[in-house]
């Protein structure tokens, strides 16, 4: 056991948590992409025509799917308005995307937490919750990277997931809570 893992229950590894968190974030994005990229491409056609008319680069579908993935964590996307203000939107909450997208991150995180607890061999609720919550190590890193990767800029205008809410909800709250729940289930149902 490494020095950084010494405070963790026996068998729980931050390295495994990082790997599981990374895999879970990427898988969640890919599920969202495969499911919604065609619809998003169609929805962006009108916006992209206007943007290109004024000499800007079109919004790539992969970035807009990223916004939708953050929306599935209840993280709104901020975009500028005429007159210098900004507005936040959640495409799922606004009815522009399937509500079922809200279950993608929690389900994947519960499964990851479950797998982490089982692989660590822990058998009690607290150790399982800690093992499952260790998914935060990788998930947080990719949640922060996603905030940068899914930022779209045209001229002086920028659209992006809300930074602080993205870190707090998508990066910390979701993996700790849902990974912890999965880990607790994995530990307490082990035979």
Foldseek 3Di string as FASTA:
>chain_A
DDPVCVVAPQLFDLVLLQVLLQVLQVVLLVVLCVVCLVVQVVVQPVVQVVLVVVPWHGQHSSLVSLQQLLLLLVFWKWWADPPGHIDTDRCCVVVNDPVCSVCSLLVSLLQSLLVQLVSSVAAALVNLLRSQLSNLSNQLVVLQVSQVVSWDDIDHIIMGTDRVCSNPRRRHVRSSVSSSNSRSVNRNPDD
